[in-house]
Protein backbone atom coordinates (compact mmCIF):
# COMPACT_ATOMS: atom_id res chain seq x y z
CA MET A 1 -7.78 3.94 -3.68
CA THR A 2 -9.28 2.74 -7.36
CA GLU A 3 -10.37 -0.38 -8.41
CA PHE A 4 -9.29 -1.60 -11.77
CA ASN A 5 -12.71 -1.39 -13.38
CA GLU A 6 -13.29 2.46 -12.40
CA PRO A 7 -11.30 4.37 -15.31
CA ASP A 8 -12.88 7.25 -14.64
CA ARG A 9 -11.37 8.11 -11.14
CA PRO A 10 -8.23 9.79 -10.99
CA GLU A 11 -6.50 8.06 -8.01
CA ALA A 12 -3.06 6.70 -9.01
CA LEU A 13 -3.31 3.60 -6.66
CA ALA A 14 -5.35 0.84 -8.08
CA ILE A 15 -5.82 -2.25 -5.71
CA ASP A 16 -8.09 -5.14 -7.30
CA LYS A 17 -9.02 -7.23 -4.64
CA ASN A 18 -10.70 -9.74 -6.96
CA LEU A 19 -7.53 -10.43 -8.87
CA PHE A 20 -4.88 -9.51 -5.85
CA GLU A 21 -2.99 -7.10 -8.21
CA VAL A 22 -2.04 -3.60 -7.30
CA ARG A 23 -0.97 -0.87 -9.92
CA PHE A 24 0.59 2.67 -9.70
CA HIS A 25 -0.49 4.78 -12.79
CA GLY A 26 -0.62 1.66 -14.68
CA THR A 27 3.13 0.12 -13.22
CA ARG A 28 2.04 -3.30 -11.99
CA ILE A 29 3.54 -3.78 -8.65
CA GLN A 30 4.47 -7.51 -7.70
CA LEU A 31 3.60 -8.08 -3.95
CA THR A 32 3.23 -11.27 -1.71
CA ALA A 33 -0.02 -11.83 -0.12
CA THR A 34 0.90 -10.53 2.89
CA GLU A 35 2.46 -7.27 1.39
CA PHE A 36 -1.18 -7.12 -0.57
CA ASP A 37 -3.05 -7.65 2.81
CA LEU A 38 -0.63 -5.09 4.30
CA LEU A 39 -1.40 -2.38 1.48
CA ASP A 40 -4.94 -3.19 2.04
CA ALA A 41 -5.39 -2.23 5.27
CA LEU A 42 -3.38 0.78 5.20
CA ASP A 43 -5.10 2.23 2.23
CA SER A 44 -8.24 1.20 4.02
CA ALA A 45 -7.32 3.70 6.97
CA ALA A 46 -7.42 6.29 4.51
CA ASP A 47 -5.04 9.28 5.48
CA ARG A 48 -4.71 8.06 9.41
CA VAL A 49 -2.22 6.66 11.39
CA VAL A 50 -2.28 2.83 11.82
CA PRO A 51 -0.89 1.14 14.92
CA ARG A 52 0.91 -1.89 14.37
CA SER A 53 -1.33 -3.45 17.09
CA GLU A 54 -4.19 -2.80 14.47
CA LEU A 55 -2.10 -4.09 11.38
CA LEU A 56 -1.07 -7.58 13.44
CA ARG A 57 -4.90 -7.69 14.17
CA LYS A 58 -5.97 -7.03 10.59
CA VAL A 59 -3.30 -8.85 8.61
CA TRP A 60 -1.57 -11.64 10.84
CA SER A 61 -3.87 -13.77 12.47
CA ASP A 62 -1.30 -15.70 14.72
CA SER A 63 -1.24 -13.95 18.17
CA SER A 64 2.42 -14.83 18.85
CA THR A 65 3.62 -12.94 15.96
CA GLY A 66 5.61 -9.76 17.17
CA ALA A 67 5.56 -6.44 16.22
CA ARG A 68 8.94 -6.31 14.45
CA VAL A 69 7.41 -8.23 11.61
CA VAL A 70 5.05 -5.48 10.91
CA ASP A 71 8.16 -3.27 10.52
CA THR A 72 9.97 -5.78 8.21
CA PHE A 73 6.84 -5.99 5.91
CA VAL A 74 6.11 -2.23 6.13
CA SER A 75 9.89 -2.00 4.91
CA ARG A 76 9.68 -4.41 1.79
CA LEU A 77 6.32 -2.91 0.85
CA ARG A 78 7.73 0.63 1.05
CA ALA A 79 10.51 -0.17 -1.29
CA LYS A 80 8.36 -1.83 -3.74
CA LEU A 81 6.09 1.19 -4.04
CA ARG A 82 8.81 3.64 -4.06
CA LEU A 83 10.30 1.61 -6.99
CA ALA A 84 7.07 2.36 -8.97
CA GLY A 85 6.92 6.19 -8.10
CA HIS A 86 4.34 6.04 -4.99
CA PRO A 87 5.95 8.19 -2.27
CA GLY A 88 5.22 5.31 -0.03
CA ILE A 89 4.62 4.93 3.58
CA ALA A 90 5.43 7.32 6.75
CA SER A 91 6.63 5.84 9.95
CA VAL A 92 4.92 8.01 12.93
CA ARG A 93 7.29 7.50 16.00
CA LYS A 94 5.60 5.61 18.59
CA ARG A 95 2.31 5.51 16.70
CA GLY A 96 2.31 3.33 13.20
CA TYR A 97 2.27 3.98 10.08
CA ARG A 98 0.53 5.95 7.58
CA LEU A 99 0.09 5.28 3.47
CA LEU A 100 1.18 8.61 1.94
CA SER A 101 -1.02 10.14 -1.05
CA PRO A 102 0.77 11.22 -4.01
CA PRO A 103 1.40 14.79 -4.52
CA GLU A 104 -0.99 16.47 -7.39
CA GLU A 105 1.58 15.93 -10.11
CA ILE A 106 2.22 12.33 -9.39
CA ARG A 107 -1.82 11.71 -9.32
CA ALA A 108 -1.84 13.14 -12.83
CA ALA A 109 0.84 11.36 -14.15
CA PRO A 110 0.29 9.07 -17.43
CA PRO A 111 0.33 5.64 -16.78
CA THR A 112 2.87 3.19 -17.92
CA GLU A 113 3.07 -0.47 -19.25
CA ARG A 114 6.02 -1.55 -17.26
CA ALA A 115 5.71 -3.93 -14.44
CA VAL A 116 7.58 -3.81 -10.79
């Protein structure tokens, strides 16, 4: 993950926690507040599987929220990331979710200016 104010870092996914904006190679990805928090939780886990229970704790403070809400929001977030060209989120059966890293050729792609 790259903050917007760190242009010399080569990572493709930029999450600005001050402006609550996400970009992938310059393409802005429109997210809801919950989708943003979910992406931030997955991104902070850095290449490890995050169990649903951990995502529920980090993103949803309401203890009555069921695990299926995680699946629903992951599905929505996955679709938005893929639309921007990001490989998305992997489901790990009976374990949780993992944010995928773009292949090397995608990480080096030039930025675009369109919004998703």
